PDB file of N, CA and C in Angstrom:
ATOM      1  N   MET A   1     116.923-119.592 111.380  1.00  0.00           N
ATOM      2  CA  MET A   1     117.098-119.953 112.058  1.00  0.00           C
ATOM      3  C   MET A   1     117.430-121.986 111.624  1.00  0.00           C
ATOM      4  N   GLU A   2     116.452-122.028 110.923  1.00  0.00           N
ATOM      5  CA  GLU A   2     116.111-122.728 110.314  1.00  0.00           C
ATOM      6  C   GLU A   2     117.292-123.342 108.489  1.00  0.00           C
ATOM      7  N   LEU A   3     117.103-122.069 107.992  1.00  0.00           N
ATOM      8  CA  LEU A   3     118.472-121.878 107.466  1.00  0.00           C
ATOM      9  C   LEU A   3     119.892-121.922 108.102  1.00  0.00           C
ATOM     10  N   HIS A   4     120.137-122.105 108.788  1.00  0.00           N
ATOM     11  CA  HIS A   4     121.367-121.509 109.557  1.00  0.00           C
ATOM     12  C   HIS A   4     121.341-123.765 109.806  1.00  0.00           C
ATOM     13  N   GLN A   5     120.592-123.976 110.647  1.00  0.00           N
ATOM     14  CA  GLN A   5     120.843-125.546 110.858  1.00  0.00           C
ATOM     15  C   GLN A   5     121.162-126.198 109.211  1.00  0.00           C
ATOM     16  N   ARG A   6     120.249-125.984 108.266  1.00  0.00           N
ATOM     17  CA  ARG A   6     120.743-126.942 107.371  1.00  0.00           C
ATOM     18  C   ARG A   6     122.523-126.115 106.545  1.00  0.00           C
ATOM     19  N   GLN A   7     121.947-125.144 106.907  1.00  0.00           N
ATOM     20  CA  GLN A   7     124.089-125.370 105.986  1.00  0.00           C
ATOM     21  C   GLN A   7     124.656-125.522 107.249  1.00  0.00           C
ATOM     22  N   GLN A   8     124.818-125.657 108.298  1.00  0.00           N
ATOM     23  CA  GLN A   8     125.834-126.078 109.590  1.00  0.00           C
ATOM     24  C   GLN A   8     125.389-127.778 109.149  1.00  0.00           C
ATOM     25  N   ASP A   9     124.678-127.850 108.998  1.00  0.00           N
ATOM     26  CA  ASP A   9     123.868-130.365 108.784  1.00  0.00           C
ATOM     27  C   ASP A   9     124.976-129.980 107.437  1.00  0.00           C
ATOM     28  N   HIS A  10     125.113-129.696 106.192  1.00  0.00           N
ATOM     29  CA  HIS A  10     125.872-130.121 105.065  1.00  0.00           C
ATOM     30  C   HIS A  10     127.261-129.170 104.449  1.00  0.00           C
ATOM     31  N   LEU A  11     127.206-128.647 105.722  1.00  0.00           N
ATOM     32  CA  LEU A  11     128.833-127.345 105.382  1.00  0.00           C
ATOM     33  C   LEU A  11     129.932-128.281 105.512  1.00  0.00           C
ATOM     34  N   ALA A  12     130.052-129.298 105.706  1.00  0.00           N
ATOM     35  CA  ALA A  12     131.656-130.449 105.409  1.00  0.00           C
ATOM     36  C   ALA A  12     131.092-131.132 104.086  1.00  0.00           C
ATOM     37  N   THR A  13     129.660-131.860 103.774  1.00  0.00           N
ATOM     38  CA  THR A  13     129.321-132.324 102.713  1.00  0.00           C
ATOM     39  C   THR A  13     129.253-132.153 101.132  1.00  0.00           C
ATOM     40  N   ASP A  14     128.469-130.861 101.032  1.00  0.00           N
ATOM     41  CA  ASP A  14     127.715-130.360 100.119  1.00  0.00           C
ATOM     42  C   ASP A  14     127.713-128.624 100.024  1.00  0.00           C
ATOM     43  N   CYS A  15     129.435-128.203  98.828  1.00  0.00           N
ATOM     44  CA  CYS A  15     129.510-126.722  98.959  1.00  0.00           C
ATOM     45  C   CYS A  15     128.469-125.833  98.208  1.00  0.00           C
ATOM     46  N   ASP A  16     127.180-126.620  97.040  1.00  0.00           N
ATOM     47  CA  ASP A  16     126.870-126.532  96.314  1.00  0.00           C
ATOM     48  C   ASP A  16     125.433-126.100  97.373  1.00  0.00           C
ATOM     49  N   TYR A  17     124.972-126.771  97.267  1.00  0.00           N
ATOM     50  CA  TYR A  17     123.530-126.989  98.686  1.00  0.00           C
ATOM     51  C   TYR A  17     124.795-125.846  99.867  1.00  0.00           C
ATOM     52  N   VAL A  18     125.451-125.470 100.136  1.00  0.00           N
ATOM     53  CA  VAL A  18     125.639-124.438 101.431  1.00  0.00           C
ATOM     54  C   VAL A  18     125.962-123.156 100.596  1.00  0.00           C
ATOM     55  N   ASP A  19     125.798-123.055  99.538  1.00  0.00           N
ATOM     56  CA  ASP A  19     125.566-121.673  98.820  1.00  0.00           C
ATOM     57  C   ASP A  19     124.705-120.957  98.351  1.00  0.00           C
ATOM     58  N   SER A  20     123.911-122.484  98.140  1.00  0.00           N
ATOM     59  CA  SER A  20     122.159-121.967  97.472  1.00  0.00           C
ATOM     60  C   SER A  20     121.636-121.533  99.136  1.00  0.00           C
ATOM     61  N   ILE A  21     121.362-122.322 100.168  1.00  0.00           N
ATOM     62  CA  ILE A  21     121.278-121.898 101.521  1.00  0.00           C
ATOM     63  C   ILE A  21     121.508-120.719 101.957  1.00  0.00           C
ATOM     64  N   GLU A  22     123.286-120.142 101.529  1.00  0.00           N
ATOM     65  CA  GLU A  22     123.507-118.294 102.058  1.00  0.00           C
ATOM     66  C   GLU A  22     122.581-117.556 101.425  1.00  0.00           C
ATOM     67  N   GLN A  23     122.441-118.111 100.141  1.00  0.00           N
ATOM     68  CA  GLN A  23     121.942-116.981  98.944  1.00  0.00           C
ATOM     69  C   GLN A  23     120.592-116.980  99.244  1.00  0.00           C
ATOM     70  N   GLU A  24     119.552-117.746  99.960  1.00  0.00           N
ATOM     71  CA  GLU A  24     118.183-118.487 100.167  1.00  0.00           C
ATOM     72  C   GLU A  24     118.352-117.200 101.056  1.00  0.00           C
ATOM     73  N   ALA A  25     119.201-116.588 102.259  1.00  0.00           N
ATOM     74  CA  ALA A  25     119.293-116.404 103.617  1.00  0.00           C
ATOM     75  C   ALA A  25     119.432-114.787 103.680  1.00  0.00           C
ATOM     76  N   ARG A  26     120.374-114.678 102.379  1.00  0.00           N
ATOM     77  CA  ARG A  26     120.746-112.825 101.526  1.00  0.00           C
ATOM     78  C   ARG A  26     119.330-112.317 100.669  1.00  0.00           C
ATOM     79  N   ASP A  27     118.551-113.723 100.811  1.00  0.00           N
ATOM     80  CA  ASP A  27     117.244-112.564  99.126  1.00  0.00           C
ATOM     81  C   ASP A  27     116.482-112.696 100.132  1.00  0.00           C
ATOM     82  N   MET A  28     116.669-113.220 101.326  1.00  0.00           N
ATOM     83  CA  MET A  28     115.246-112.491 102.731  1.00  0.00           C
ATOM     84  C   MET A  28     115.065-110.853 102.723  1.00  0.00           C
ATOM     85  N   ALA A  29     116.518-109.894 102.847  1.00  0.00           N
ATOM     86  CA  ALA A  29     116.835-109.441 103.298  1.00  0.00           C
ATOM     87  C   ALA A  29     115.926-108.290 102.165  1.00  0.00           C
ATOM     88  N   LEU A  30     114.773-107.095 102.534  1.00  0.00           N
ATOM     89  CA  LEU A  30     114.775-106.372 101.417  1.00  0.00           C
ATOM     90  C   LEU A  30     115.638-104.616 101.245  1.00  0.00           C
ATOM     91  N   ASP A  31     116.045-105.168 102.227  1.00  0.00           N
ATOM     92  CA  ASP A  31     116.956-103.980 102.132  1.00  0.00           C
ATOM     93  C   ASP A  31     118.291-103.677 103.476  1.00  0.00           C
ATOM     94  N   VAL A  32     119.903-103.652 103.006  1.00  0.00           N
ATOM     95  CA  VAL A  32     120.126-103.728 103.702  1.00  0.00           C
ATOM     96  C   VAL A  32     120.960-102.359 103.618  1.00  0.00           C
ATOM     97  N   CYS A  33     120.904-101.866 104.925  1.00  0.00           N
ATOM     98  CA  CYS A  33     121.459-100.009 105.258  1.00  0.00           C
ATOM     99  C   CYS A  33     122.847-100.511 106.338  1.00  0.00           C
ATOM    100  N   TYR A  34     123.650 -99.074 106.480  1.00  0.00           N
ATOM    101  CA  TYR A  34     123.868 -98.836 107.781  1.00  0.00           C
ATOM    102  C   TYR A  34     123.680 -97.163 107.859  1.00  0.00           C
ATOM    103  N   ARG A  35     124.317 -96.473 109.439  1.00  0.00           N
ATOM    104  CA  ARG A  35     124.043 -95.750 109.627  1.00  0.00           C
ATOM    105  C   ARG A  35     125.167 -95.366 110.805  1.00  0.00           C
ATOM    106  N   SER A  36     125.267 -93.915 110.325  1.00  0.00           N
ATOM    107  CA  SER A  36     126.273 -93.161 111.924  1.00  0.00           C
ATOM    108  C   SER A  36     124.997 -92.193 112.067  1.00  0.00           C
ATOM    109  N   GLN A  37     124.699 -91.753 112.261  1.00  0.00           N
ATOM    110  CA  GLN A  37     123.656 -90.965 112.522  1.00  0.00           C
ATOM    111  C   GLN A  37     121.894 -91.038 111.531  1.00  0.00           C
ATOM    112  N   ASP A  38     122.015 -91.263 110.699  1.00  0.00           N
ATOM    113  CA  ASP A  38     121.053 -91.336 109.660  1.00  0.00           C
ATOM    114  C   ASP A  38     121.382 -92.687 108.819  1.00  0.00           C
ATOM    115  N   TRP A  39     120.296 -93.045 108.309  1.00  0.00           N
ATOM    116  CA  TRP A  39     120.341 -94.145 107.606  1.00  0.00           C
ATOM    117  C   TRP A  39     120.949 -93.374 106.199  1.00  0.00           C
ATOM    118  N   ILE A  40     121.875 -94.187 105.570  1.00  0.00           N
ATOM    119  CA  ILE A  40     122.431 -94.185 104.544  1.00  0.00           C
ATOM    120  C   ILE A  40     122.361 -95.829 103.601  1.00  0.00           C
ATOM    121  N   GLU A  41     121.950 -95.209 101.840  1.00  0.00           N
ATOM    122  CA  GLU A  41     122.297 -96.359 100.858  1.00  0.00           C
ATOM    123  C   GLU A  41     123.775 -96.815 101.199  1.00  0.00           C
ATOM    124  N   VAL A  42     124.001 -98.460 101.360  1.00  0.00           N
ATOM    125  CA  VAL A  42     124.928 -98.976 101.349  1.00  0.00           C
ATOM    126  C   VAL A  42     126.353 -98.535 100.059  1.00  0.00           C
ATOM    127  N   GLY A  43     126.958 -97.816 100.814  1.00  0.00           N
ATOM    128  CA  GLY A  43     128.795 -97.614  99.284  1.00  0.00           C
ATOM    129  C   GLY A  43     128.397 -96.261  98.833  1.00  0.00           C
ATOM    130  N   LYS A  44     126.874 -95.457  98.945  1.00  0.00           N
ATOM    131  CA  LYS A  44     126.358 -94.037  99.026  1.00  0.00           C
ATOM    132  C   LYS A  44     127.122 -93.425  99.295  1.00  0.00           C
ATOM    133  N   ASN A  45     128.425 -92.809 100.723  1.00  0.00           N
ATOM    134  CA  ASN A  45     128.919 -92.029 101.042  1.00  0.00           C
ATOM    135  C   ASN A  45     130.214 -92.636 101.008  1.00  0.00           C
ATOM    136  N   LYS A  46     131.554 -92.227  99.608  1.00  0.00           N
ATOM    137  CA  LYS A  46     132.799 -92.512 100.368  1.00  0.00           C
ATOM    138  C   LYS A  46     133.457 -92.476 101.982  1.00  0.00           C
ATOM    139  N   SER A  47     132.693 -91.225 101.968  1.00  0.00           N
ATOM    140  CA  SER A  47     133.602 -90.739 103.247  1.00  0.00           C
ATOM    141  C   SER A  47     132.723 -91.476 104.995  1.00  0.00           C
ATOM    142  N   PHE A  48     132.031 -91.868 104.645  1.00  0.00           N
ATOM    143  CA  PHE A  48     130.997 -92.171 105.719  1.00  0.00           C
ATOM    144  C   PHE A  48     131.966 -93.093 106.371  1.00  0.00           C
ATOM    145  N   LYS A  49     131.614 -92.972 107.534  1.00  0.00           N
ATOM    146  CA  LYS A  49     132.112 -94.180 108.717  1.00  0.00           C
ATOM    147  C   LYS A  49     130.920 -94.949 109.452  1.00  0.00           C
ATOM    148  N   PRO A  50     130.088 -96.205 109.153  1.00  0.00           N
ATOM    149  CA  PRO A  50     128.655 -96.632 109.734  1.00  0.00           C
ATOM    150  C   PRO A  50     128.940 -96.882 111.269  1.00  0.00           C
ATOM    151  N   THR A  51     128.523 -96.938 111.674  1.00  0.00           N
ATOM    152  CA  THR A  51     128.357 -97.755 113.160  1.00  0.00           C
ATOM    153  C   THR A  51     127.432 -98.492 113.898  1.00  0.00           C
ATOM    154  N   GLN A  52     126.226 -98.728 112.602  1.00  0.00           N
ATOM    155  CA  GLN A  52     125.235 -99.409 113.149  1.00  0.00           C
ATOM    156  C   GLN A  52     124.632 -99.876 111.653  1.00  0.00           C
ATOM    157  N   GLY A  53     124.461-100.856 111.818  1.00  0.00           N
ATOM    158  CA  GLY A  53     124.009-101.529 110.277  1.00  0.00           C
ATOM    159  C   GLY A  53     122.404-102.293 110.591  1.00  0.00           C
ATOM    160  N   ARG A  54     121.470-102.108 109.374  1.00  0.00           N
ATOM    161  CA  ARG A  54     120.193-102.857 109.190  1.00  0.00           C
ATOM    162  C   ARG A  54     119.974-103.504 107.977  1.00  0.00           C
ATOM    163  N   ILE A  55     119.332-104.749 108.812  1.00  0.00           N
ATOM    164  CA  ILE A  55     118.918-105.195 107.422  1.00  0.00           C
ATOM    165  C   ILE A  55     117.688-106.111 107.702  1.00  0.00           C
ATOM    166  N   LEU A  56     116.468-104.684 107.158  1.00  0.00           N
ATOM    167  CA  LEU A  56     114.805-105.263 107.120  1.00  0.00           C
ATOM    168  C   LEU A  56     114.868-106.329 106.452  1.00  0.00           C
ATOM    169  N   LEU A  57     113.168-107.087 106.986  1.00  0.00           N
ATOM    170  CA  LEU A  57     113.090-108.869 106.783  1.00  0.00           C
ATOM    171  C   LEU A  57     111.617-108.173 106.467  1.00  0.00           C
ATOM    172  N   THR A  58     111.351-107.361 106.912  1.00  0.00           N
ATOM    173  CA  THR A  58     109.551-107.433 106.565  1.00  0.00           C
ATOM    174  C   THR A  58     109.274-106.158 106.968  1.00  0.00           C
ATOM    175  N   THR A  59     107.721-105.529 105.900  1.00  0.00           N
ATOM    176  CA  THR A  59     107.432-104.023 106.049  1.00  0.00           C
ATOM    177  C   THR A  59     105.661-104.441 106.183  1.00  0.00           C
ATOM    178  N   GLY A  60     105.178-103.438 106.932  1.00  0.00           N
ATOM    179  CA  GLY A  60     103.999-102.391 107.510  1.00  0.00           C
ATOM    180  C   GLY A  60     103.690-103.507 108.735  1.00  0.00           C
ATOM    181  N   GLY A  61     102.709-104.086 108.910  1.00  0.00           N
ATOM    182  CA  GLY A  61     102.493-104.484 110.285  1.00  0.00           C
ATOM    183  C   GLY A  61     101.990-105.729 110.455  1.00  0.00           C
ATOM    184  N   PRO A  62     103.171-106.456 111.219  1.00  0.00           N
ATOM    185  CA  PRO A  62     104.137-105.935 111.927  1.00  0.00           C
ATOM    186  C   PRO A  62     105.446-105.782 111.007  1.00  0.00           C
ATOM    187  N   ALA A  63     106.508-105.056 111.356  1.00  0.00           N
ATOM    188  CA  ALA A  63     107.438-105.398 110.542  1.00  0.00           C
ATOM    189  C   ALA A  63     108.839-105.831 111.449  1.00  0.00           C
ATOM    190  N   CYS A  64     109.734-106.106 110.685  1.00  0.00           N
ATOM    191  CA  CYS A  64     111.202-107.399 111.381  1.00  0.00           C
ATOM    192  C   CYS A  64     112.630-106.498 111.035  1.00  0.00           C
ATOM    193  N   GLN A  65     113.219-106.446 111.750  1.00  0.00           N
ATOM    194  CA  GLN A  65     114.969-106.461 111.182  1.00  0.00           C
ATOM    195  C   GLN A  65     115.594-106.118 111.924  1.00  0.00           C
ATOM    196  N   VAL A  66     116.928-106.769 111.643  1.00  0.00           N
ATOM    197  CA  VAL A  66     117.698-107.469 112.407  1.00  0.00           C
ATOM    198  C   VAL A  66     118.735-105.603 112.387  1.00  0.00           C
ATOM    199  N   VAL A  67     119.142-105.638 113.629  1.00  0.00           N
ATOM    200  CA  VAL A  67     120.347-104.846 113.588  1.00  0.00           C
ATOM    201  C   VAL A  67     121.507-104.911 114.487  1.00  0.00           C
ATOM    202  N   CYS A  68     122.352-104.273 113.829  1.00  0.00           N
ATOM    203  CA  CYS A  68     123.945-104.425 114.620  1.00  0.00           C
ATOM    204  C   CYS A  68     125.049-103.362 114.590  1.00  0.00           C
ATOM    205  N   ASP A  69     125.743-104.015 115.082  1.00  0.00           N
ATOM    206  CA  ASP A  69     126.775-102.992 115.644  1.00  0.00           C
ATOM    207  C   ASP A  69     127.859-103.142 114.815  1.00  0.00           C
ATOM    208  N   LEU A  70     128.964-101.898 114.284  1.00  0.00           N
ATOM    209  CA  LEU A  70     129.368-101.446 113.354  1.00  0.00           C
ATOM    210  C   LEU A  70     130.804-100.932 113.531  1.00  0.00           C
ATOM    211  N   GLU A  71     131.887-101.895 113.743  1.00  0.00           N
ATOM    212  CA  GLU A  71     132.787-101.482 113.516  1.00  0.00           C
ATOM    213  C   GLU A  71     134.672-102.308 113.044  1.00  0.00           C
ATOM    214  N   ASP A  72     134.979-100.890 111.926  1.00  0.00           N
ATOM    215  CA  ASP A  72     135.310-101.321 110.682  1.00  0.00           C
ATOM    216  C   ASP A  72     135.375-102.460 109.947  1.00  0.00           C
ATOM    217  N   ASN A  73     134.053-102.019 108.960  1.00  0.00           N
ATOM    218  CA  ASN A  73     133.278-102.893 108.577  1.00  0.00           C
ATOM    219  C   ASN A  73     132.075-103.935 109.256  1.00  0.00           C
ATOM    220  N   TRP A  74     132.668-104.731 110.614  1.00  0.00           N
ATOM    221  CA  TRP A  74     132.347-106.403 111.027  1.00  0.00           C
ATOM    222  C   TRP A  74     131.182-105.842 112.428  1.00  0.00           C
ATOM    223  N   PRO A  75     130.433-106.483 111.582  1.00  0.00           N
ATOM    224  CA  PRO A  75     129.174-106.741 112.707  1.00  0.00           C
ATOM    225  C   PRO A  75     129.653-107.176 113.614  1.00  0.00           C
ATOM    226  N   SER A  76     128.468-107.188 114.688  1.00  0.00           N
ATOM    227  CA  SER A  76     128.925-107.574 116.163  1.00  0.00           C
ATOM    228  C   SER A  76     127.312-106.715 117.020  1.00  0.00           C
ATOM    229  N   ASN A  77     126.755-107.772 117.581  1.00  0.00           N
ATOM    230  CA  ASN A  77     126.094-107.828 118.687  1.00  0.00           C
ATOM    231  C   ASN A  77     124.502-108.014 118.001  1.00  0.00           C
ATOM    232  N   PRO A  78     124.100-108.335 117.156  1.00  0.00           N
ATOM    233  CA  PRO A  78     122.837-108.743 115.941  1.00  0.00           C
ATOM    234  C   PRO A  78     122.056-108.883 117.381  1.00  0.00           C
ATOM    235  N   GLU A  79     120.451-107.840 116.601  1.00  0.00           N
ATOM    236  CA  GLU A  79     119.124-107.599 117.163  1.00  0.00           C
ATOM    237  C   GLU A  79     117.974-107.727 116.707  1.00  0.00           C
ATOM    238  N   ILE A  80     116.786-108.469 116.874  1.00  0.00           N
ATOM    239  CA  ILE A  80     115.519-108.225 116.432  1.00  0.00           C
ATOM    240  C   ILE A  80     114.954-107.521 116.784  1.00  0.00           C
ATOM    241  N   GLU A  81     114.628-106.573 116.146  1.00  0.00           N
ATOM    242  CA  GLU A  81     113.340-105.728 116.485  1.00  0.00           C
ATOM    243  C   GLU A  81     112.364-105.597 115.021  1.00  0.00           C
ATOM    244  N   TRP A  82     111.090-105.227 115.754  1.00  0.00           N
ATOM    245  CA  TRP A  82     109.744-105.612 115.524  1.00  0.00           C
ATOM    246  C   TRP A  82     109.032-104.305 115.557  1.00  0.00           C
ATOM    247  N   GLN A  83     108.212-103.863 113.794  1.00  0.00           N
ATOM    248  CA  GLN A  83     107.245-102.216 114.639  1.00  0.00           C
ATOM    249  C   GLN A  83     105.745-102.662 114.134  1.00  0.00           C
ATOM    250  N   ASP A  84     104.841-102.508 114.722  1.00  0.00           N
ATOM    251  CA  ASP A  84     103.162-102.052 114.298  1.00  0.00           C
ATOM    252  C   ASP A  84     102.772-101.033 113.556  1.00  0.00           C
ATOM    253  N   TRP A  85     101.857-100.775 113.402  1.00  0.00           N
ATOM    254  CA  TRP A  85     101.406 -99.414 112.279  1.00  0.00           C
ATOM    255  C   TRP A  85     101.823 -98.381 113.881  1.00  0.00           C
ATOM    256  N   GLY A  86     102.109 -97.360 113.966  1.00  0.00           N
ATOM    257  CA  GLY A  86     102.313 -96.573 114.801  1.00  0.00           C
ATOM    258  C   GLY A  86     103.131 -96.371 115.865  1.00  0.00           C
ATOM    259  N   THR A  87     103.966 -97.862 116.244  1.00  0.00           N
ATOM    260  CA  THR A  87     104.590 -98.048 117.301  1.00  0.00           C
ATOM    261  C   THR A  87     105.962 -97.742 117.143  1.00  0.00           C
ATOM    262  N   PRO A  88     107.018 -97.631 117.843  1.00  0.00           N
ATOM    263  CA  PRO A  88     108.580 -97.607 117.601  1.00  0.00           C
ATOM    264  C   PRO A  88     109.013 -98.825 117.841  1.00  0.00           C
ATOM    265  N   TRP A  89     110.364 -98.935 116.717  1.00  0.00           N
ATOM    266  CA  TRP A  89     110.716-100.462 116.548  1.00  0.00           C
ATOM    267  C   TRP A  89     111.524-100.021 118.074  1.00  0.00           C
ATOM    268  N   THR A  90     110.764-102.006 118.350  1.00  0.00           N
ATOM    269  CA  THR A  90     111.207-102.930 119.731  1.00  0.00           C
ATOM    270  C   THR A  90     111.640-103.410 119.773  1.00  0.00           C
ATOM    271  N   TYR A  91     113.308-103.825 120.344  1.00  0.00           N
ATOM    272  CA  TYR A  91     113.653-104.973 120.740  1.00  0.00           C
ATOM    273  C   TYR A  91     112.532-105.961 120.372  1.00  0.00           C
ATOM    274  N   ALA A  92     113.155-107.809 120.307  1.00  0.00           N
ATOM    275  CA  ALA A  92     111.888-108.700 120.731  1.00  0.00           C
ATOM    276  C   ALA A  92     112.827-109.241 121.522  1.00  0.00           C
ATOM    277  N   ARG A  93     113.190-109.915 122.491  1.00  0.00           N
ATOM    278  CA  ARG A  93     113.566-110.148 123.428  1.00  0.00           C
ATOM    279  C   ARG A  93     113.726-112.125 122.911  1.00  0.00           C
ATOM    280  N   ILE A  94     114.906-112.555 122.714  1.00  0.00           N
ATOM    281  CA  ILE A  94     114.422-113.989 121.836  1.00  0.00           C
ATOM    282  C   ILE A  94     114.243-115.081 122.832  1.00  0.00           C
ATOM    283  N   LYS A  95     114.031-115.382 124.661  1.00  0.00           N
ATOM    284  CA  LYS A  95     114.075-115.727 125.111  1.00  0.00           C
ATOM    285  C   LYS A  95     112.441-116.236 125.280  1.00  0.00           C
ATOM    286  N   ALA A  96     112.095-114.684 126.010  1.00  0.00           N
ATOM    287  CA  ALA A  96     110.435-113.860 126.614  1.00  0.00           C
ATOM    288  C   ALA A  96     110.003-114.096 125.425  1.00  0.00           C
ATOM    289  N   ASP A  97     109.995-112.923 124.628  1.00  0.00           N
ATOM    290  CA  ASP A  97     109.576-112.680 123.084  1.00  0.00           C
ATOM    291  C   ASP A  97     109.149-113.938 122.212  1.00  0.00           C
ATOM    292  N   LEU A  98     110.512-114.675 121.972  1.00  0.00           N
ATOM    293  CA  LEU A  98     110.008-115.418 121.178  1.00  0.00           C
ATOM    294  C   LEU A  98     110.063-116.734 121.311  1.00  0.00           C
ATOM    295  N   ASP A  99     110.689-117.103 122.586  1.00  0.00           N
ATOM    296  CA  ASP A  99     109.803-118.441 123.100  1.00  0.00           C
ATOM    297  C   ASP A  99     111.615-119.300 122.284  1.00  0.00           C
ATOM    298  N   LEU A 100     112.591-118.805 122.046  1.00  0.00           N
ATOM    299  CA  LEU A 100     113.151-119.247 121.409  1.00  0.00           C
ATOM    300  C   LEU A 100     114.292-119.726 121.979  1.00  0.00           C
ATOM    301  N   ASP A 101     115.547-120.662 121.651  1.00  0.00           N
ATOM    302  CA  ASP A 101     116.819-121.137 122.241  1.00  0.00           C
ATOM    303  C   ASP A 101     118.082-119.659 122.296  1.00  0.00           C
ATOM    304  N   PHE A 102     118.301-118.736 123.877  1.00  0.00           N
ATOM    305  CA  PHE A 102     118.996-117.614 122.722  1.00  0.00           C
ATOM    306  C   PHE A 102     120.710-117.847 122.928  1.00  0.00           C
ATOM    307  N   ASP A 103     121.094-119.457 122.994  1.00  0.00           N
ATOM    308  CA  ASP A 103     122.640-119.361 122.129  1.00  0.00           C
ATOM    309  C   ASP A 103     122.323-119.849 120.981  1.00  0.00           C
ATOM    310  N   LYS A 104     121.116-120.689 120.270  1.00  0.00           N
ATOM    311  CA  LYS A 104     120.728-120.828 119.024  1.00  0.00           C
ATOM    312  C   LYS A 104     120.705-119.645 118.595  1.00  0.00           C
ATOM    313  N   ALA A 105     119.572-118.602 118.422  1.00  0.00           N
ATOM    314  CA  ALA A 105     119.384-117.559 118.281  1.00  0.00           C
ATOM    315  C   ALA A 105     120.051-117.141 117.386  1.00  0.00           C
ATOM    316  N   ASN A 106     121.126-116.645 118.564  1.00  0.00           N
ATOM    317  CA  ASN A 106     121.975-115.907 118.885  1.00  0.00           C
ATOM    318  C   ASN A 106     123.272-116.636 117.453  1.00  0.00           C
ATOM    319  N   GLU A 107     123.572-117.470 117.590  1.00  0.00           N
ATOM    320  CA  GLU A 107     124.767-118.060 116.617  1.00  0.00           C
ATOM    321  C   GLU A 107     123.640-117.912 115.356  1.00  0.00           C
ATOM    322  N   ALA A 108     122.464-118.088 114.888  1.00  0.00           N
ATOM    323  CA  ALA A 108     122.418-118.269 113.830  1.00  0.00           C
ATOM    324  C   ALA A 108     121.761-116.396 112.883  1.00  0.00           C
ATOM    325  N   LEU A 109     121.541-116.036 114.739  1.00  0.00           N
ATOM    326  CA  LEU A 109     121.717-114.298 114.075  1.00  0.00           C
ATOM    327  C   LEU A 109     123.099-114.055 113.815  1.00  0.00           C
ATOM    328  N   ILE A 110     124.478-114.015 114.224  1.00  0.00           N
ATOM    329  CA  ILE A 110     125.195-114.155 113.725  1.00  0.00           C
ATOM    330  C   ILE A 110     125.800-114.381 112.578  1.00  0.00           C
ATOM    331  N   TRP A 111     125.265-115.599 112.543  1.00  0.00           N
ATOM    332  CA  TRP A 111     125.836-116.264 111.188  1.00  0.00           C
ATOM    333  C   TRP A 111     125.322-115.078 109.743  1.00  0.00           C
ATOM    334  N   PHE A 112     123.480-114.836 110.122  1.00  0.00           N
ATOM    335  CA  PHE A 112     123.148-114.352 109.011  1.00  0.00           C
ATOM    336  C   PHE A 112     123.657-112.634 108.629  1.00  0.00           C
ATOM    337  N   ILE A 113     124.311-112.011 109.848  1.00  0.00           N
ATOM    338  CA  ILE A 113     124.545-110.676 109.656  1.00  0.00           C
ATOM    339  C   ILE A 113     125.467-110.651 108.984  1.00  0.00           C
ATOM    340  N   ASN A 114     127.162-111.852 109.117  1.00  0.00           N
ATOM    341  CA  ASN A 114     128.047-112.131 108.157  1.00  0.00           C
ATOM    342  C   ASN A 114     127.725-112.669 106.593  1.00  0.00           C
ATOM    343  N   LEU A 115     126.977-113.105 106.790  1.00  0.00           N
ATOM    344  CA  LEU A 115     126.471-113.252 104.848  1.00  0.00           C
ATOM    345  C   LEU A 115     126.088-111.956 104.485  1.00  0.00           C
ATOM    346  N   PHE A 116     126.017-111.147 104.822  1.00  0.00           N
ATOM    347  CA  PHE A 116     126.404-109.714 104.110  1.00  0.00           C
ATOM    348  C   PHE A 116     127.871-108.631 103.846  1.00  0.00           C
ATOM    349  N   TRP A 117     128.263-107.854 103.224  1.00  0.00           N
ATOM    350  CA  TRP A 117     129.173-107.033 103.248  1.00  0.00           C
ATOM    351  C   TRP A 117     128.806-105.496 103.771  1.00  0.00           C
ATOM    352  N   TRP A 118     129.532-105.138 105.139  1.00  0.00           N
ATOM    353  CA  TRP A 118     129.176-103.823 104.966  1.00  0.00           C
ATOM    354  C   TRP A 118     130.442-102.772 104.548  1.00  0.00           C
ATOM    355  N   GLY A 119     131.446-102.923 104.401  1.00  0.00           N
ATOM    356  CA  GLY A 119     132.411-101.961 103.414  1.00  0.00           C
ATOM    357  C   GLY A 119     131.742-101.764 102.730  1.00  0.00           C
ATOM    358  N   GLU A 120     132.636-100.534 102.063  1.00  0.00           N
ATOM    359  CA  GLU A 120     132.455 -99.395 100.793  1.00  0.00           C
ATOM    360  C   GLU A 120     132.325-100.662  99.362  1.00  0.00           C
TER     361      GLU A 120
END
């Protein structure tokens, strides 16, 4: 959310700074994958039609990722998931679990997932 806000604050005034913010956000990703039934590295299967994307942010306990739906390589419906050792991935509810403003957090998540290319 902080990077998104900084990007918004400088969008009309400093293109180089905006580019550096966007690159900083992209660099947060440890892994960017998509899947239909199984996760596959982006670009490895040319006939693959992905339906879901994942941006892995941290590993270990706890781990964090952003998952989204994909339709024709366009992401939508981003969700934050977390996982601790030995537990399944669980959706983090923005308002209840993270105590964040839902609209601002969702806007930042949409901005974040759109920084990545989901096509071949």
